[in-house]
Amino acid sequence: MVWLGALITLLSIVLWVYAFFDALTSPAEEVRHLPKLLWLAIILLFMVVGPLLWLFLGRPRVAAPTVAQGPVHQVSADDLDPSDFQRPSGRAQPLGPDDDPDFLRRLNKRINPED
């Protein structure tokens, strides 16, 4: 029975801290029903009821929409050209410098200039 009381107390403290910091970091213009400072006071004064009221009544419903930096272009599968995904014809491109024989030759000359 003691464990249940300790668990309820711990959950109450976690809920209280979460609600306080959530209210603190919420933009003031998005807080619902009451001013932000009043919500913070309610959360601080009423340890169990205050956070629950904040979560159900005061918290902003949705996050603010982000502003796109330009026109958004939706791409569908019909817009894609299969040639965009093919390798260029001719010699295959090396994956890294250690796969390029010319690079390895130049590197060897830099390391051993007398050869």
N, C-alpha and C. Protein backbone atom coordinates (compact mmCIF):
# COMPACT_ATOMS: atom_id res chain seq x y z
N MET A 1 0.82 -1.19 0.00
CA MET A 1 0.00 0.00 0.00
C MET A 1 0.87 1.26 0.00
N VAL A 2 2.01 1.16 0.66
CA VAL A 2 2.93 2.30 0.70
C VAL A 2 3.46 2.58 -0.70
N TRP A 3 3.71 1.50 -1.46
CA TRP A 3 4.22 1.68 -2.82
C TRP A 3 3.23 2.42 -3.70
N LEU A 4 1.96 2.13 -3.52
CA LEU A 4 0.94 2.81 -4.32
C LEU A 4 0.90 4.29 -4.00
N GLY A 5 1.00 4.62 -2.72
CA GLY A 5 1.03 6.03 -2.33
C GLY A 5 2.27 6.74 -2.87
N ALA A 6 3.41 6.05 -2.83
CA ALA A 6 4.65 6.63 -3.36
C ALA A 6 4.56 6.81 -4.88
N LEU A 7 3.96 5.84 -5.56
CA LEU A 7 3.80 5.94 -7.01
C LEU A 7 2.88 7.09 -7.40
N ILE A 8 1.78 7.23 -6.69
CA ILE A 8 0.85 8.34 -6.97
C ILE A 8 1.52 9.68 -6.70
N THR A 9 2.28 9.76 -5.62
CA THR A 9 3.01 11.00 -5.32
C THR A 9 4.03 11.32 -6.40
N LEU A 10 4.77 10.32 -6.84
CA LEU A 10 5.77 10.52 -7.88
C LEU A 10 5.12 10.96 -9.19
N LEU A 11 4.02 10.32 -9.57
CA LEU A 11 3.32 10.70 -10.80
C LEU A 11 2.77 12.12 -10.70
N SER A 12 2.29 12.50 -9.52
CA SER A 12 1.79 13.86 -9.33
C SER A 12 2.90 14.89 -9.50
N ILE A 13 4.07 14.59 -8.96
CA ILE A 13 5.20 15.51 -9.09
C ILE A 13 5.66 15.61 -10.54
N VAL A 14 5.72 14.47 -11.23
CA VAL A 14 6.12 14.49 -12.65
C VAL A 14 5.12 15.28 -13.47
N LEU A 15 3.83 15.06 -13.24
CA LEU A 15 2.79 15.81 -13.96
C LEU A 15 2.89 17.30 -13.66
N TRP A 16 3.14 17.65 -12.42
CA TRP A 16 3.26 19.05 -12.01
C TRP A 16 4.43 19.72 -12.71
N VAL A 17 5.59 19.07 -12.71
CA VAL A 17 6.79 19.64 -13.35
C VAL A 17 6.58 19.76 -14.86
N TYR A 18 6.01 18.71 -15.47
CA TYR A 18 5.76 18.75 -16.91
C TYR A 18 4.82 19.89 -17.27
N ALA A 19 3.72 20.01 -16.56
CA ALA A 19 2.74 21.05 -16.87
C ALA A 19 3.34 22.44 -16.66
N PHE A 20 4.14 22.61 -15.61
CA PHE A 20 4.74 23.92 -15.35
C PHE A 20 5.66 24.32 -16.50
N PHE A 21 6.56 23.43 -16.90
CA PHE A 21 7.49 23.78 -17.97
C PHE A 21 6.80 23.87 -19.33
N ASP A 22 5.75 23.09 -19.52
CA ASP A 22 4.98 23.20 -20.76
C ASP A 22 4.29 24.56 -20.84
N ALA A 23 3.71 25.00 -19.74
CA ALA A 23 3.07 26.32 -19.71
C ALA A 23 4.10 27.43 -19.84
N LEU A 24 5.24 27.24 -19.22
CA LEU A 24 6.30 28.25 -19.26
C LEU A 24 6.84 28.45 -20.67
N THR A 25 6.95 27.38 -21.43
CA THR A 25 7.53 27.47 -22.78
C THR A 25 6.49 27.68 -23.87
N SER A 26 5.22 27.63 -23.54
CA SER A 26 4.18 27.87 -24.55
C SER A 26 4.12 29.36 -24.88
N PRO A 27 3.94 29.70 -26.16
CA PRO A 27 3.79 31.11 -26.52
C PRO A 27 2.54 31.70 -25.87
N ALA A 28 2.66 32.89 -25.33
CA ALA A 28 1.56 33.52 -24.59
C ALA A 28 0.32 33.72 -25.46
N GLU A 29 0.52 34.00 -26.74
CA GLU A 29 -0.64 34.25 -27.60
C GLU A 29 -1.40 32.98 -27.97
N GLU A 30 -0.84 31.81 -27.70
CA GLU A 30 -1.51 30.55 -28.03
C GLU A 30 -2.18 29.90 -26.82
N VAL A 31 -1.93 30.42 -25.63
CA VAL A 31 -2.54 29.86 -24.41
C VAL A 31 -4.03 30.17 -24.42
N ARG A 32 -4.82 29.17 -24.05
CA ARG A 32 -6.28 29.33 -24.13
C ARG A 32 -6.90 29.72 -22.79
N HIS A 33 -7.99 30.44 -22.84
CA HIS A 33 -8.90 30.78 -21.74
C HIS A 33 -8.37 31.77 -20.70
N LEU A 34 -7.15 31.68 -20.25
CA LEU A 34 -6.61 32.58 -19.22
C LEU A 34 -5.24 33.07 -19.65
N PRO A 35 -4.78 34.18 -19.07
CA PRO A 35 -3.42 34.64 -19.37
C PRO A 35 -2.38 33.62 -18.89
N LYS A 36 -1.25 33.63 -19.54
CA LYS A 36 -0.19 32.66 -19.25
C LYS A 36 0.27 32.73 -17.79
N LEU A 37 0.44 33.94 -17.26
CA LEU A 37 0.88 34.08 -15.87
C LEU A 37 -0.13 33.49 -14.89
N LEU A 38 -1.39 33.64 -15.18
CA LEU A 38 -2.41 33.06 -14.31
C LEU A 38 -2.37 31.53 -14.37
N TRP A 39 -2.14 30.98 -15.56
CA TRP A 39 -2.00 29.53 -15.67
C TRP A 39 -0.81 29.03 -14.86
N LEU A 40 0.30 29.75 -14.92
CA LEU A 40 1.48 29.35 -14.14
C LEU A 40 1.17 29.37 -12.65
N ALA A 41 0.45 30.39 -12.20
CA ALA A 41 0.08 30.47 -10.78
C ALA A 41 -0.84 29.32 -10.39
N ILE A 42 -1.81 29.00 -11.24
CA ILE A 42 -2.73 27.89 -10.95
C ILE A 42 -1.97 26.57 -10.86
N ILE A 43 -1.03 26.37 -11.78
CA ILE A 43 -0.25 25.13 -11.77
C ILE A 43 0.60 25.04 -10.50
N LEU A 44 1.20 26.16 -10.11
CA LEU A 44 2.05 26.15 -8.92
C LEU A 44 1.26 25.97 -7.63
N LEU A 45 0.09 26.59 -7.55
CA LEU A 45 -0.68 26.56 -6.30
C LEU A 45 -1.47 25.26 -6.11
N PHE A 46 -1.99 24.71 -7.18
CA PHE A 46 -2.82 23.51 -7.08
C PHE A 46 -2.08 22.35 -7.75
N MET A 47 -1.38 21.58 -6.95
CA MET A 47 -0.41 20.62 -7.47
C MET A 47 -1.02 19.53 -8.36
N VAL A 48 -2.19 19.06 -8.08
CA VAL A 48 -2.79 18.01 -8.90
C VAL A 48 -3.82 18.58 -9.86
N VAL A 49 -4.70 19.42 -9.36
CA VAL A 49 -5.78 19.96 -10.19
C VAL A 49 -5.24 20.96 -11.21
N GLY A 50 -4.27 21.78 -10.82
CA GLY A 50 -3.72 22.80 -11.72
C GLY A 50 -3.13 22.23 -12.99
N PRO A 51 -2.24 21.23 -12.90
CA PRO A 51 -1.70 20.64 -14.13
C PRO A 51 -2.77 19.98 -15.01
N LEU A 52 -3.74 19.35 -14.39
CA LEU A 52 -4.81 18.73 -15.19
C LEU A 52 -5.64 19.79 -15.91
N LEU A 53 -5.95 20.88 -15.20
CA LEU A 53 -6.68 21.98 -15.86
C LEU A 53 -5.87 22.54 -17.02
N TRP A 54 -4.55 22.70 -16.81
CA TRP A 54 -3.70 23.22 -17.88
C TRP A 54 -3.73 22.30 -19.09
N LEU A 55 -3.59 21.00 -18.87
CA LEU A 55 -3.53 20.07 -19.99
C LEU A 55 -4.84 20.01 -20.77
N PHE A 56 -5.97 20.13 -20.07
CA PHE A 56 -7.25 19.99 -20.76
C PHE A 56 -7.86 21.31 -21.21
N LEU A 57 -7.53 22.41 -20.54
CA LEU A 57 -8.18 23.68 -20.87
C LEU A 57 -7.24 24.76 -21.39
N GLY A 58 -6.04 24.82 -20.89
CA GLY A 58 -5.18 25.96 -21.22
C GLY A 58 -4.14 25.72 -22.28
N ARG A 59 -3.75 24.49 -22.44
CA ARG A 59 -2.67 24.16 -23.37
C ARG A 59 -3.11 24.43 -24.81
N PRO A 60 -2.19 24.96 -25.63
CA PRO A 60 -2.53 25.14 -27.05
C PRO A 60 -2.87 23.80 -27.69
N ARG A 61 -3.89 23.80 -28.54
CA ARG A 61 -4.35 22.54 -29.13
C ARG A 61 -3.37 21.96 -30.13
N VAL A 62 -2.89 22.79 -31.02
CA VAL A 62 -1.96 22.31 -32.05
C VAL A 62 -0.74 23.20 -32.06
N ALA A 63 0.33 22.65 -32.57
CA ALA A 63 1.54 23.45 -32.71
C ALA A 63 1.33 24.49 -33.81
N ALA A 64 2.04 25.59 -33.69
CA ALA A 64 1.93 26.64 -34.70
C ALA A 64 2.45 26.12 -36.03
N PRO A 65 1.75 26.41 -37.12
CA PRO A 65 2.22 25.94 -38.42
C PRO A 65 3.52 26.64 -38.79
N THR A 66 4.40 25.88 -39.40
CA THR A 66 5.67 26.46 -39.82
C THR A 66 5.48 27.15 -41.16
N VAL A 67 6.22 28.21 -41.36
CA VAL A 67 6.13 28.98 -42.59
C VAL A 67 7.13 28.40 -43.58
N ALA A 68 6.64 28.04 -44.74
CA ALA A 68 7.53 27.51 -45.78
C ALA A 68 8.36 28.64 -46.37
N GLN A 69 9.56 28.31 -46.78
CA GLN A 69 10.47 29.30 -47.33
C GLN A 69 10.24 29.55 -48.82
N GLY A 70 9.27 28.98 -49.38
CA GLY A 70 8.98 29.18 -50.80
C GLY A 70 7.77 28.35 -51.16
N PRO A 71 7.42 28.33 -52.42
CA PRO A 71 6.27 27.53 -52.81
C PRO A 71 6.56 26.04 -52.62
N VAL A 72 5.58 25.34 -52.11
CA VAL A 72 5.74 23.92 -51.88
C VAL A 72 5.29 23.20 -53.14
N HIS A 73 6.15 22.33 -53.64
CA HIS A 73 5.84 21.58 -54.86
C HIS A 73 5.69 20.12 -54.50
N GLN A 74 4.51 19.60 -54.72
CA GLN A 74 4.27 18.19 -54.46
C GLN A 74 4.78 17.38 -55.64
N VAL A 75 5.53 16.33 -55.37
CA VAL A 75 6.06 15.47 -56.42
C VAL A 75 5.34 14.14 -56.35
N SER A 76 4.82 13.72 -57.47
CA SER A 76 4.17 12.42 -57.51
C SER A 76 5.04 11.47 -58.34
N ALA A 77 4.70 10.20 -58.31
CA ALA A 77 5.47 9.21 -59.06
C ALA A 77 5.38 9.46 -60.56
N ASP A 78 4.31 10.09 -61.02
CA ASP A 78 4.17 10.36 -62.45
C ASP A 78 5.14 11.45 -62.91
N ASP A 79 5.58 12.31 -61.99
CA ASP A 79 6.49 13.40 -62.36
C ASP A 79 7.94 12.94 -62.49
N LEU A 80 8.26 11.76 -61.98
CA LEU A 80 9.64 11.30 -61.97
C LEU A 80 10.02 10.68 -63.31
N ASP A 81 11.25 10.93 -63.71
CA ASP A 81 11.78 10.38 -64.94
C ASP A 81 12.74 9.26 -64.56
N PRO A 82 12.57 8.05 -65.09
CA PRO A 82 13.47 6.96 -64.72
C PRO A 82 14.93 7.24 -65.04
N SER A 83 15.18 8.08 -66.02
CA SER A 83 16.58 8.37 -66.37
C SER A 83 17.28 9.16 -65.27
N ASP A 84 16.53 9.77 -64.37
CA ASP A 84 17.14 10.49 -63.25
C ASP A 84 17.86 9.55 -62.29
N PHE A 85 17.46 8.28 -62.30
CA PHE A 85 18.01 7.33 -61.34
C PHE A 85 19.05 6.40 -61.95
N GLN A 86 19.35 6.55 -63.23
CA GLN A 86 20.32 5.68 -63.88
C GLN A 86 21.70 6.28 -63.79
N ARG A 87 22.71 5.41 -63.79
CA ARG A 87 24.09 5.88 -63.80
C ARG A 87 24.41 6.46 -65.17
N PRO A 88 25.30 7.45 -65.18
CA PRO A 88 25.70 7.97 -66.48
C PRO A 88 26.42 6.89 -67.29
N SER A 89 26.21 6.94 -68.58
CA SER A 89 26.84 5.93 -69.43
C SER A 89 28.34 6.15 -69.47
N GLY A 90 29.06 5.12 -69.86
CA GLY A 90 30.52 5.24 -69.91
C GLY A 90 31.14 4.63 -68.68
N ARG A 91 32.27 5.16 -68.28
CA ARG A 91 33.03 4.63 -67.15
C ARG A 91 32.25 4.87 -65.85
N ALA A 92 32.18 3.85 -65.02
CA ALA A 92 31.50 3.97 -63.73
C ALA A 92 32.30 4.90 -62.82
N GLN A 93 31.61 5.72 -62.08
CA GLN A 93 32.27 6.66 -61.18
C GLN A 93 32.83 5.90 -59.98
N PRO A 94 34.06 6.24 -59.55
CA PRO A 94 34.62 5.58 -58.37
C PRO A 94 33.82 5.95 -57.12
N LEU A 95 33.76 5.03 -56.19
CA LEU A 95 33.02 5.27 -54.96
C LEU A 95 33.78 6.15 -53.99
N GLY A 96 35.09 6.05 -54.00
CA GLY A 96 35.91 6.84 -53.09
C GLY A 96 37.29 7.03 -53.69
N PRO A 97 38.11 7.87 -53.07
CA PRO A 97 39.43 8.13 -53.62
C PRO A 97 40.30 6.87 -53.68
N ASP A 98 40.10 5.96 -52.76
CA ASP A 98 40.93 4.76 -52.78
C ASP A 98 40.53 3.79 -53.89
N ASP A 99 39.41 4.04 -54.56
CA ASP A 99 39.01 3.22 -55.71
C ASP A 99 39.48 3.82 -57.03
N ASP A 100 40.00 5.03 -57.01
CA ASP A 100 40.42 5.73 -58.23
C ASP A 100 41.91 5.46 -58.48
N PRO A 101 42.25 4.74 -59.57
CA PRO A 101 43.66 4.42 -59.82
C PRO A 101 44.52 5.66 -60.05
N ASP A 102 43.98 6.70 -60.68
CA ASP A 102 44.76 7.92 -60.90
C ASP A 102 45.11 8.59 -59.57
N PHE A 103 44.16 8.63 -58.68
CA PHE A 103 44.42 9.23 -57.37
C PHE A 103 45.48 8.43 -56.61
N LEU A 104 45.38 7.11 -56.66
CA LEU A 104 46.36 6.27 -55.97
C LEU A 104 47.76 6.46 -56.56
N ARG A 105 47.85 6.61 -57.87
CA ARG A 105 49.14 6.84 -58.52
C ARG A 105 49.74 8.17 -58.07
N ARG A 106 48.94 9.23 -58.05
CA ARG A 106 49.44 10.54 -57.61
C ARG A 106 49.83 10.51 -56.13
N LEU A 107 49.06 9.81 -55.33
CA LEU A 107 49.38 9.70 -53.92
C LEU A 107 50.70 8.96 -53.71
N ASN A 108 50.90 7.91 -54.48
CA ASN A 108 52.14 7.15 -54.38
C ASN A 108 53.34 8.02 -54.78
N LYS A 109 53.17 8.87 -55.80
CA LYS A 109 54.26 9.77 -56.22
C LYS A 109 54.56 10.81 -55.13
N ARG A 110 53.53 11.28 -54.44
CA ARG A 110 53.75 12.26 -53.37
C ARG A 110 54.45 11.62 -52.18
N ILE A 111 54.12 10.37 -51.89
CA ILE A 111 54.75 9.70 -50.76
C ILE A 111 56.19 9.31 -51.09
N ASN A 112 56.40 8.78 -52.28
CA ASN A 112 57.73 8.32 -52.72
C ASN A 112 58.16 9.14 -53.94
N PRO A 113 58.66 10.35 -53.77
CA PRO A 113 59.01 11.19 -54.93
C PRO A 113 60.20 10.65 -55.72
N GLU A 114 61.04 9.82 -55.14
CA GLU A 114 62.21 9.33 -55.87
C GLU A 114 61.87 8.23 -56.84
N ASP A 115 60.70 7.63 -56.76
CA ASP A 115 60.33 6.54 -57.68
C ASP A 115 59.95 7.06 -59.03
